[in-house]
């Protein structure tokens, strides 16, 4: 008996496959590019280090901005927590 998954499941599987294959293509492409870069040159290494630091600064700033927006939207309203009920004997 053949079971056909619902449409949303098939679309989710396609998206996952697309993301995996995209990541694989990017990784393999960057490996080929890194073979062409002269890693022995100190100026090239300093540029690579600078690029690494800049990319991390961009990632941290995006994280901080998103964190700020979430906290701004959340507001200062206290969360309601019901009181704990006593166990009955």
Protein backbone atom coordinates (compact mmCIF):
# COMPACT_ATOMS: atom_id res chain seq x y z
CA UNK A 1 0.00 0.00 0.00
CA UNK A 2 1.47 3.35 -1.04
CA UNK A 3 1.14 6.28 1.33
CA UNK A 4 1.29 9.72 -0.27
CA UNK A 5 2.39 12.36 2.27
CA UNK A 6 0.41 15.59 2.44
CA UNK A 7 1.47 18.50 0.28
CA UNK A 8 3.02 20.50 3.12
CA UNK A 9 5.23 17.52 4.01
CA UNK A 10 6.42 17.18 0.41
CA UNK A 11 7.19 20.91 0.24
CA UNK A 12 9.10 20.77 3.52
CA UNK A 13 11.17 17.85 2.22
CA UNK A 14 11.97 19.78 -0.97
CA UNK A 15 13.02 22.85 0.99
CA UNK A 16 15.29 20.76 3.24
CA UNK A 17 16.87 19.11 0.22
CA UNK A 18 17.39 22.49 -1.42
CA UNK A 19 19.03 23.93 1.70
CA UNK A 20 21.34 20.94 2.05
CA UNK A 21 22.40 21.02 -1.57
CA UNK A 22 22.94 24.79 -1.44
CA UNK A 23 25.16 24.44 1.62
CA UNK A 24 27.12 21.68 -0.08
CA UNK A 25 27.66 23.76 -3.22
CA UNK A 26 28.81 26.76 -1.15
CA UNK A 27 31.25 24.65 0.88
CA UNK A 28 32.72 22.94 -2.16
CA UNK A 29 32.97 26.24 -4.03
CA UNK A 30 34.76 27.92 -1.12
CA UNK A 31 37.19 25.00 -0.92
CA UNK A 32 38.09 25.51 -4.57
CA UNK A 33 38.50 29.26 -4.06
CA UNK A 34 40.68 28.75 -0.98
CA UNK A 35 43.08 26.60 -3.03
CA UNK A 36 43.75 29.61 -5.29
CA UNK A 37 44.51 32.05 -2.42
CA UNK A 38 48.21 32.32 -1.48
CA UNK A 39 48.06 31.58 2.23
CA UNK A 40 51.83 32.04 2.71
CA UNK A 41 51.64 35.78 2.02
CA UNK A 42 51.35 37.75 5.32
CA UNK A 43 49.30 40.53 3.67
CA UNK A 44 46.78 37.99 2.38
CA UNK A 45 46.51 36.40 5.82
CA UNK A 46 45.91 39.80 7.42
CA UNK A 47 43.12 40.48 4.90
CA UNK A 48 41.56 37.08 5.66
CA UNK A 49 41.72 37.82 9.40
CA UNK A 50 40.18 41.26 8.83
CA UNK A 51 37.37 39.71 6.79
CA UNK A 52 36.73 37.22 9.58
CA UNK A 53 36.53 39.99 12.19
CA UNK A 54 34.25 42.13 10.02
CA UNK A 55 31.88 39.21 9.37
CA UNK A 56 31.68 38.45 13.09
CA UNK A 57 31.03 42.12 13.86
CA UNK A 58 28.17 42.13 11.33
CA UNK A 59 26.69 38.94 12.84
CA UNK A 60 26.90 40.34 16.38
CA UNK A 61 25.31 43.64 15.33
CA UNK A 62 22.42 41.82 13.61
CA UNK A 63 21.92 39.71 16.73
CA UNK A 64 21.99 42.78 19.01
CA UNK A 65 19.57 44.71 16.77
CA UNK A 66 17.15 41.76 16.66
CA UNK A 67 17.43 41.34 20.43
CA UNK A 68 16.68 45.05 20.89
CA UNK A 69 13.60 44.87 18.64
CA UNK A 70 12.24 41.81 20.45
CA UNK A 71 12.71 43.39 23.87
CA UNK A 72 11.16 46.65 22.66
CA UNK A 73 8.10 44.82 21.37
CA UNK A 74 7.77 42.69 24.49
CA UNK A 75 7.16 45.70 26.74
CA UNK A 76 7.39 45.91 30.49
CA UNK A 77 4.14 44.14 31.36
CA UNK A 78 4.68 41.51 34.03
CA UNK A 79 3.93 37.95 33.04
CA UNK A 80 0.96 36.37 34.80
CA UNK A 81 1.83 33.22 36.69
CA UNK A 82 -0.95 31.44 38.57
CA UNK A 83 -0.28 30.62 42.20
CA UNK A 84 0.65 27.06 42.92
CA UNK A 85 -2.20 25.02 44.35
CA UNK A 86 -1.63 22.95 47.45
CA UNK A 87 -1.74 19.20 46.97
CA UNK A 88 -4.79 17.53 48.43
CA UNK A 89 -4.42 14.62 50.85
